[in-house]
Amino acid sequence: VVAVYSTFLNRAFDQLLLDVALHKAGVTFV
């Protein structure tokens, strides 16, 4: 469970897209 402020997720968009989502990783962002 990765908990961050909404505005700070902007900084990790590439990782969300290609490291997490592409690999269908079971990660929950809050």
PDB file of all heavy atoms in Angstrom:
ATOM      1  N   VAL A   1       0.867  -1.169   0.000  1.00  0.00           N
ATOM      2  CA  VAL A   1       0.000   0.000   0.000  1.00  0.00           C
ATOM      3  C   VAL A   1       0.907   1.222   0.000  1.00  0.00           C
ATOM      4  O   VAL A   1       1.641   1.461   0.960  1.00  0.00           O
ATOM      5  CB  VAL A   1      -0.933   0.019   1.226  1.00  0.00           C
ATOM      6  CG1 VAL A   1      -1.751   1.303   1.255  1.00  0.00           C
ATOM      7  CG2 VAL A   1      -1.837  -1.200   1.233  1.00  0.00           C
ATOM      8  N   VAL A   2       0.881   1.975  -1.090  1.00  0.00           N
ATOM      9  CA  VAL A   2       1.738   3.156  -1.246  1.00  0.00           C
ATOM     10  C   VAL A   2       0.892   4.390  -0.962  1.00  0.00           C
ATOM     11  O   VAL A   2      -0.017   4.725  -1.724  1.00  0.00           O
ATOM     12  CB  VAL A   2       2.332   3.244  -2.664  1.00  0.00           C
ATOM     13  CG1 VAL A   2       3.232   4.473  -2.781  1.00  0.00           C
ATOM     14  CG2 VAL A   2       3.110   1.980  -3.001  1.00  0.00           C
ATOM     15  N   ALA A   3       1.165   5.063   0.146  1.00  0.00           N
ATOM     16  CA  ALA A   3       0.368   6.227   0.558  1.00  0.00           C
ATOM     17  C   ALA A   3       1.169   7.507   0.341  1.00  0.00           C
ATOM     18  O   ALA A   3       2.239   7.691   0.934  1.00  0.00           O
ATOM     19  CB  ALA A   3      -0.036   6.102   2.027  1.00  0.00           C
ATOM     20  N   VAL A   4       0.667   8.374  -0.522  1.00  0.00           N
ATOM     21  CA  VAL A   4       1.309   9.657  -0.816  1.00  0.00           C
ATOM     22  C   VAL A   4       0.228  10.706  -1.015  1.00  0.00           C
ATOM     23  O   VAL A   4      -0.946  10.383  -1.171  1.00  0.00           O
ATOM     24  CB  VAL A   4       2.188   9.590  -2.091  1.00  0.00           C
ATOM     25  CG1 VAL A   4       3.373   8.666  -1.893  1.00  0.00           C
ATOM     26  CG2 VAL A   4       1.379   9.163  -3.295  1.00  0.00           C
ATOM     27  N   TYR A   5       0.625  11.982  -1.022  1.00  0.00           N
ATOM     28  CA  TYR A   5      -0.313  13.028  -1.407  1.00  0.00           C
ATOM     29  C   TYR A   5      -0.613  12.893  -2.900  1.00  0.00           C
ATOM     30  O   TYR A   5       0.249  12.509  -3.698  1.00  0.00           O
ATOM     31  CB  TYR A   5       0.274  14.408  -1.151  1.00  0.00           C
ATOM     32  CG  TYR A   5       0.303  14.848   0.296  1.00  0.00           C
ATOM     33  CD1 TYR A   5      -0.061  13.993   1.332  1.00  0.00           C
ATOM     34  CD2 TYR A   5       0.713  16.134   0.628  1.00  0.00           C
ATOM     35  CE1 TYR A   5      -0.020  14.409   2.649  1.00  0.00           C
ATOM     36  CE2 TYR A   5       0.756  16.568   1.941  1.00  0.00           C
ATOM     37  CZ  TYR A   5       0.392  15.698   2.950  1.00  0.00           C
ATOM     38  OH  TYR A   5       0.428  16.114   4.251  1.00  0.00           O
ATOM     39  N   SER A   6      -1.817  13.270  -3.283  1.00  0.00           N
ATOM     40  CA  SER A   6      -2.213  13.181  -4.690  1.00  0.00           C
ATOM     41  C   SER A   6      -1.236  13.921  -5.594  1.00  0.00           C
ATOM     42  O   SER A   6      -0.819  13.409  -6.638  1.00  0.00           O
ATOM     43  CB  SER A   6      -3.626  13.759  -4.869  1.00  0.00           C
ATOM     44  OG  SER A   6      -3.930  13.932  -6.227  1.00  0.00           O
ATOM     45  N   THR A   7      -0.844  15.132  -5.199  1.00  0.00           N
ATOM     46  CA  THR A   7       0.025  15.933  -6.052  1.00  0.00           C
ATOM     47  C   THR A   7       1.379  15.280  -6.279  1.00  0.00           C
ATOM     48  O   THR A   7       2.033  15.503  -7.292  1.00  0.00           O
ATOM     49  CB  THR A   7       0.218  17.348  -5.464  1.00  0.00           C
ATOM     50  OG1 THR A   7       0.983  18.139  -6.362  1.00  0.00           O
ATOM     51  CG2 THR A   7       0.919  17.303  -4.115  1.00  0.00           C
ATOM     52  N   PHE A   8       1.828  14.443  -5.322  1.00  0.00           N
ATOM     53  CA  PHE A   8       3.141  13.824  -5.447  1.00  0.00           C
ATOM     54  C   PHE A   8       3.127  12.562  -6.303  1.00  0.00           C
ATOM     55  O   PHE A   8       4.194  12.079  -6.692  1.00  0.00           O
ATOM     56  CB  PHE A   8       3.726  13.535  -4.068  1.00  0.00           C
ATOM     57  CG  PHE A   8       3.987  14.775  -3.259  1.00  0.00           C
ATOM     58  CD1 PHE A   8       3.654  14.834  -1.919  1.00  0.00           C
ATOM     59  CD2 PHE A   8       4.545  15.902  -3.847  1.00  0.00           C
ATOM     60  CE1 PHE A   8       3.882  15.987  -1.172  1.00  0.00           C
ATOM     61  CE2 PHE A   8       4.777  17.051  -3.120  1.00  0.00           C
ATOM     62  CZ  PHE A   8       4.448  17.099  -1.777  1.00  0.00           C
ATOM     63  N   LEU A   9       1.946  12.032  -6.598  1.00  0.00           N
ATOM     64  CA  LEU A   9       1.897  10.902  -7.519  1.00  0.00           C
ATOM     65  C   LEU A   9       2.353  11.337  -8.904  1.00  0.00           C
ATOM     66  O   LEU A   9       2.866  10.524  -9.680  1.00  0.00           O
ATOM     67  CB  LEU A   9       0.487  10.314  -7.593  1.00  0.00           C
ATOM     68  CG  LEU A   9       0.347   9.096  -8.516  1.00  0.00           C
ATOM     69  CD1 LEU A   9       1.088   7.894  -7.934  1.00  0.00           C
ATOM     70  CD2 LEU A   9      -1.113   8.749  -8.754  1.00  0.00           C
ATOM     71  N   ASN A  10       2.174  12.630  -9.218  1.00  0.00           N
ATOM     72  CA  ASN A  10       2.618  13.151 -10.517  1.00  0.00           C
ATOM     73  C   ASN A  10       4.076  12.794 -10.780  1.00  0.00           C
ATOM     74  O   ASN A  10       4.474  12.539 -11.916  1.00  0.00           O
ATOM     75  CB  ASN A  10       2.484  14.677 -10.562  1.00  0.00           C
ATOM     76  CG  ASN A  10       1.068  15.157 -10.322  1.00  0.00           C
ATOM     77  OD1 ASN A  10       0.140  14.374 -10.283  1.00  0.00           O
ATOM     78  ND2 ASN A  10       0.907  16.456 -10.151  1.00  0.00           N
ATOM     79  N   ARG A  11       4.874  12.789  -9.716  1.00  0.00           N
ATOM     80  CA  ARG A  11       6.314  12.574  -9.857  1.00  0.00           C
ATOM     81  C   ARG A  11       6.653  11.126 -10.211  1.00  0.00           C
ATOM     82  O   ARG A  11       7.770  10.836 -10.626  1.00  0.00           O
ATOM     83  CB  ARG A  11       7.007  12.961  -8.551  1.00  0.00           C
ATOM     84  CG  ARG A  11       6.808  14.419  -8.159  1.00  0.00           C
ATOM     85  CD  ARG A  11       7.012  14.640  -6.667  1.00  0.00           C
ATOM     86  NE  ARG A  11       8.358  14.376  -6.250  1.00  0.00           N
ATOM     87  CZ  ARG A  11       9.266  15.321  -5.979  1.00  0.00           C
ATOM     88  NH1 ARG A  11       8.952  16.595  -6.124  1.00  0.00           N
ATOM     89  NH2 ARG A  11      10.470  15.013  -5.576  1.00  0.00           N
ATOM     90  N   ALA A  12       5.708  10.225 -10.021  1.00  0.00           N
ATOM     91  CA  ALA A  12       5.979   8.800 -10.255  1.00  0.00           C
ATOM     92  C   ALA A  12       5.077   8.224 -11.341  1.00  0.00           C
ATOM     93  O   ALA A  12       4.813   7.023 -11.360  1.00  0.00           O
ATOM     94  CB  ALA A  12       5.797   8.020  -8.957  1.00  0.00           C
ATOM     95  N   PHE A  13       4.615   9.086 -12.254  1.00  0.00           N
ATOM     96  CA  PHE A  13       3.664   8.597 -13.252  1.00  0.00           C
ATOM     97  C   PHE A  13       4.272   7.521 -14.153  1.00  0.00           C
ATOM     98  O   PHE A  13       3.636   6.507 -14.450  1.00  0.00           O
ATOM     99  CB  PHE A  13       3.152   9.753 -14.118  1.00  0.00           C
ATOM    100  CG  PHE A  13       2.195   9.293 -15.183  1.00  0.00           C
ATOM    101  CD1 PHE A  13       0.882   8.980 -14.863  1.00  0.00           C
ATOM    102  CD2 PHE A  13       2.610   9.126 -16.495  1.00  0.00           C
ATOM    103  CE1 PHE A  13      -0.002   8.532 -15.823  1.00  0.00           C
ATOM    104  CE2 PHE A  13       1.733   8.685 -17.475  1.00  0.00           C
ATOM    105  CZ  PHE A  13       0.419   8.382 -17.131  1.00  0.00           C
ATOM    106  N   ASP A  14       5.496   7.706 -14.594  1.00  0.00           N
ATOM    107  CA  ASP A  14       6.116   6.711 -15.475  1.00  0.00           C
ATOM    108  C   ASP A  14       6.223   5.364 -14.779  1.00  0.00           C
ATOM    109  O   ASP A  14       5.989   4.306 -15.390  1.00  0.00           O
ATOM    110  CB  ASP A  14       7.504   7.188 -15.910  1.00  0.00           C
ATOM    111  CG  ASP A  14       8.174   6.218 -16.866  1.00  0.00           C
ATOM    112  OD1 ASP A  14       7.687   6.093 -18.006  1.00  0.00           O
ATOM    113  OD2 ASP A  14       9.163   5.572 -16.480  1.00  0.00           O
ATOM    114  N   GLN A  15       6.560   5.386 -13.491  1.00  0.00           N
ATOM    115  CA  GLN A  15       6.681   4.133 -12.746  1.00  0.00           C
ATOM    116  C   GLN A  15       5.323   3.475 -12.547  1.00  0.00           C
ATOM    117  O   GLN A  15       5.193   2.248 -12.636  1.00  0.00           O
ATOM    118  CB  GLN A  15       7.353   4.395 -11.400  1.00  0.00           C
ATOM    119  CG  GLN A  15       8.840   4.722 -11.496  1.00  0.00           C
ATOM    120  CD  GLN A  15       9.126   6.061 -12.136  1.00  0.00           C
ATOM    121  OE1 GLN A  15       8.339   7.015 -11.999  1.00  0.00           O
ATOM    122  NE2 GLN A  15      10.240   6.170 -12.826  1.00  0.00           N
ATOM    123  N   LEU A  16       4.297   4.294 -12.274  1.00  0.00           N
ATOM    124  CA  LEU A  16       2.939   3.767 -12.173  1.00  0.00           C
ATOM    125  C   LEU A  16       2.526   3.100 -13.480  1.00  0.00           C
ATOM    126  O   LEU A  16       1.959   2.000 -13.494  1.00  0.00           O
ATOM    127  CB  LEU A  16       1.965   4.894 -11.819  1.00  0.00           C
ATOM    128  CG  LEU A  16       0.465   4.583 -11.944  1.00  0.00           C
ATOM    129  CD1 LEU A  16       0.055   3.503 -10.955  1.00  0.00           C
ATOM    130  CD2 LEU A  16      -0.363   5.851 -11.736  1.00  0.00           C
ATOM    131  N   LEU A  17       2.829   3.775 -14.586  1.00  0.00           N
ATOM    132  CA  LEU A  17       2.398   3.288 -15.895  1.00  0.00           C
ATOM    133  C   LEU A  17       3.148   2.028 -16.326  1.00  0.00           C
ATOM    134  O   LEU A  17       2.530   1.014 -16.667  1.00  0.00           O
ATOM    135  CB  LEU A  17       2.595   4.401 -16.931  1.00  0.00           C
ATOM    136  CG  LEU A  17       2.210   4.084 -18.377  1.00  0.00           C
ATOM    137  CD1 LEU A  17       0.703   3.886 -18.505  1.00  0.00           C
ATOM    138  CD2 LEU A  17       2.682   5.202 -19.310  1.00  0.00           C
ATOM    139  N   LEU A  18       4.481   2.087 -16.303  1.00  0.00           N
ATOM    140  CA  LEU A  18       5.264   1.038 -16.945  1.00  0.00           C
ATOM    141  C   LEU A  18       5.858   0.005 -15.990  1.00  0.00           C
ATOM    142  O   LEU A  18       6.137  -1.124 -16.402  1.00  0.00           O
ATOM    143  CB  LEU A  18       6.384   1.665 -17.780  1.00  0.00           C
ATOM    144  CG  LEU A  18       5.892   2.541 -18.937  1.00  0.00           C
ATOM    145  CD1 LEU A  18       7.056   3.129 -19.710  1.00  0.00           C
ATOM    146  CD2 LEU A  18       4.987   1.742 -19.873  1.00  0.00           C
ATOM    147  N   ASP A  19       6.072   0.361 -14.734  1.00  0.00           N
ATOM    148  CA  ASP A  19       6.591  -0.623 -13.793  1.00  0.00           C
ATOM    149  C   ASP A  19       5.478  -1.348 -13.042  1.00  0.00           C
ATOM    150  O   ASP A  19       5.593  -2.539 -12.754  1.00  0.00           O
ATOM    151  CB  ASP A  19       7.538   0.045 -12.792  1.00  0.00           C
ATOM    152  CG  ASP A  19       8.835   0.502 -13.443  1.00  0.00           C
ATOM    153  OD1 ASP A  19       9.257  -0.154 -14.412  1.00  0.00           O
ATOM    154  OD2 ASP A  19       9.412   1.501 -12.997  1.00  0.00           O
ATOM    155  N   VAL A  20       4.409  -0.606 -12.731  1.00  0.00           N
ATOM    156  CA  VAL A  20       3.325  -1.208 -11.960  1.00  0.00           C
ATOM    157  C   VAL A  20       2.210  -1.723 -12.873  1.00  0.00           C
ATOM    158  O   VAL A  20       1.905  -2.922 -12.894  1.00  0.00           O
ATOM    159  CB  VAL A  20       2.760  -0.212 -10.921  1.00  0.00           C
ATOM    160  CG1 VAL A  20       1.635  -0.857 -10.119  1.00  0.00           C
ATOM    161  CG2 VAL A  20       3.865   0.266  -9.981  1.00  0.00           C
ATOM    162  N   ALA A  21       1.606  -0.832 -13.654  1.00  0.00           N
ATOM    163  CA  ALA A  21       0.439  -1.223 -14.452  1.00  0.00           C
ATOM    164  C   ALA A  21       0.796  -2.200 -15.569  1.00  0.00           C
ATOM    165  O   ALA A  21       0.090  -3.187 -15.800  1.00  0.00           O
ATOM    166  CB  ALA A  21      -0.237   0.018 -15.036  1.00  0.00           C
ATOM    167  N   LEU A  22       1.888  -1.938 -16.281  1.00  0.00           N
ATOM    168  CA  LEU A  22       2.281  -2.846 -17.364  1.00  0.00           C
ATOM    169  C   LEU A  22       2.493  -4.263 -16.853  1.00  0.00           C
ATOM    170  O   LEU A  22       2.163  -5.241 -17.525  1.00  0.00           O
ATOM    171  CB  LEU A  22       3.561  -2.327 -18.037  1.00  0.00           C
ATOM    172  CG  LEU A  22       4.182  -3.221 -19.112  1.00  0.00           C
ATOM    173  CD1 LEU A  22       3.240  -3.372 -20.304  1.00  0.00           C
ATOM    174  CD2 LEU A  22       5.526  -2.667 -19.566  1.00  0.00           C
ATOM    175  N   HIS A  23       3.013  -4.372 -15.648  1.00  0.00           N
ATOM    176  CA  HIS A  23       3.292  -5.682 -15.072  1.00  0.00           C
ATOM    177  C   HIS A  23       2.126  -6.231 -14.254  1.00  0.00           C
ATOM    178  O   HIS A  23       2.263  -7.263 -13.591  1.00  0.00           O
ATOM    179  CB  HIS A  23       4.550  -5.602 -14.198  1.00  0.00           C
ATOM    180  CG  HIS A  23       5.798  -5.322 -14.975  1.00  0.00           C
ATOM    181  ND1 HIS A  23       6.195  -4.041 -15.322  1.00  0.00           N
ATOM    182  CD2 HIS A  23       6.717  -6.151 -15.508  1.00  0.00           C
ATOM    183  CE1 HIS A  23       7.318  -4.104 -16.018  1.00  0.00           C
ATOM    184  NE2 HIS A  23       7.651  -5.366 -16.154  1.00  0.00           N
ATOM    185  N   LYS A  24       1.006  -5.507 -14.283  1.00  0.00           N
ATOM    186  CA  LYS A  24      -0.199  -5.937 -13.568  1.00  0.00           C
ATOM    187  C   LYS A  24       0.111  -6.290 -12.115  1.00  0.00           C
ATOM    188  O   LYS A  24      -0.341  -7.301 -11.578  1.00  0.00           O
ATOM    189  CB  LYS A  24      -0.855  -7.123 -14.279  1.00  0.00           C
ATOM    190  CG  LYS A  24      -1.320  -6.794 -15.692  1.00  0.00           C
ATOM    191  CD  LYS A  24      -2.000  -7.983 -16.354  1.00  0.00           C
ATOM    192  CE  LYS A  24      -2.466  -7.623 -17.768  1.00  0.00           C
ATOM    193  NZ  LYS A  24      -3.103  -8.771 -18.457  1.00  0.00           N
ATOM    194  N   ALA A  25       0.892  -5.404 -11.506  1.00  0.00           N
ATOM    195  CA  ALA A  25       1.314  -5.632 -10.124  1.00  0.00           C
ATOM    196  C   ALA A  25       0.185  -5.317  -9.154  1.00  0.00           C
ATOM    197  O   ALA A  25      -0.488  -4.292  -9.280  1.00  0.00           O
ATOM    198  CB  ALA A  25       2.530  -4.767  -9.805  1.00  0.00           C
ATOM    199  N   GLY A  26       0.003  -6.156  -8.176  1.00  0.00           N
ATOM    200  CA  GLY A  26      -1.019  -5.946  -7.159  1.00  0.00           C
ATOM    201  C   GLY A  26      -0.555  -4.947  -6.120  1.00  0.00           C
ATOM    202  O   GLY A  26      -0.193  -5.307  -4.992  1.00  0.00           O
ATOM    203  N   VAL A  27      -0.558  -3.683  -6.503  1.00  0.00           N
ATOM    204  CA  VAL A  27      -0.144  -2.585  -5.632  1.00  0.00           C
ATOM    205  C   VAL A  27      -1.329  -1.649  -5.459  1.00  0.00           C
ATOM    206  O   VAL A  27      -2.014  -1.326  -6.436  1.00  0.00           O
ATOM    207  CB  VAL A  27       1.038  -1.800  -6.235  1.00  0.00           C
ATOM    208  CG1 VAL A  27       1.400  -0.601  -5.360  1.00  0.00           C
ATOM    209  CG2 VAL A  27       2.244  -2.707  -6.432  1.00  0.00           C
ATOM    210  N   THR A  28      -1.580  -1.208  -4.236  1.00  0.00           N
ATOM    211  CA  THR A  28      -2.649  -0.240  -3.975  1.00  0.00           C
ATOM    212  C   THR A  28      -2.045   1.111  -3.622  1.00  0.00           C
ATOM    213  O   THR A  28      -1.267   1.222  -2.667  1.00  0.00           O
ATOM    214  CB  THR A  28      -3.561  -0.718  -2.831  1.00  0.00           C
ATOM    215  OG1 THR A  28      -4.211  -1.928  -3.215  1.00  0.00           O
ATOM    216  CG2 THR A  28      -4.613   0.335  -2.503  1.00  0.00           C
ATOM    217  N   PHE A  29      -2.394   2.121  -4.402  1.00  0.00           N
ATOM    218  CA  PHE A  29      -1.981   3.497  -4.118  1.00  0.00           C
ATOM    219  C   PHE A  29      -3.112   4.196  -3.363  1.00  0.00           C
ATOM    220  O   PHE A  29      -4.275   4.099  -3.758  1.00  0.00           O
ATOM    221  CB  PHE A  29      -1.681   4.254  -5.408  1.00  0.00           C
ATOM    222  CG  PHE A  29      -0.467   3.755  -6.141  1.00  0.00           C
ATOM    223  CD1 PHE A  29      -0.561   2.692  -7.027  1.00  0.00           C
ATOM    224  CD2 PHE A  29       0.771   4.337  -5.927  1.00  0.00           C
ATOM    225  CE1 PHE A  29       0.556   2.219  -7.700  1.00  0.00           C
ATOM    226  CE2 PHE A  29       1.897   3.870  -6.596  1.00  0.00           C
ATOM    227  CZ  PHE A  29       1.790   2.805  -7.477  1.00  0.00           C
ATOM    228  N   VAL A  30      -2.768   4.898  -2.305  1.00  0.00           N
ATOM    229  CA  VAL A  30      -3.746   5.676  -1.544  1.00  0.00           C
ATOM    230  C   VAL A  30      -3.332   7.137  -1.620  1.00  0.00           C
ATOM    231  O   VAL A  30      -2.254   7.519  -1.151  1.00  0.00           O
ATOM    232  CB  VAL A  30      -3.827   5.209  -0.079  1.00  0.00           C
ATOM    233  CG1 VAL A  30      -4.781   6.097   0.711  1.00  0.00           C
ATOM    234  CG2 VAL A  30      -4.290   3.750  -0.018  1.00  0.00           C
TER     235      VAL A  30
END
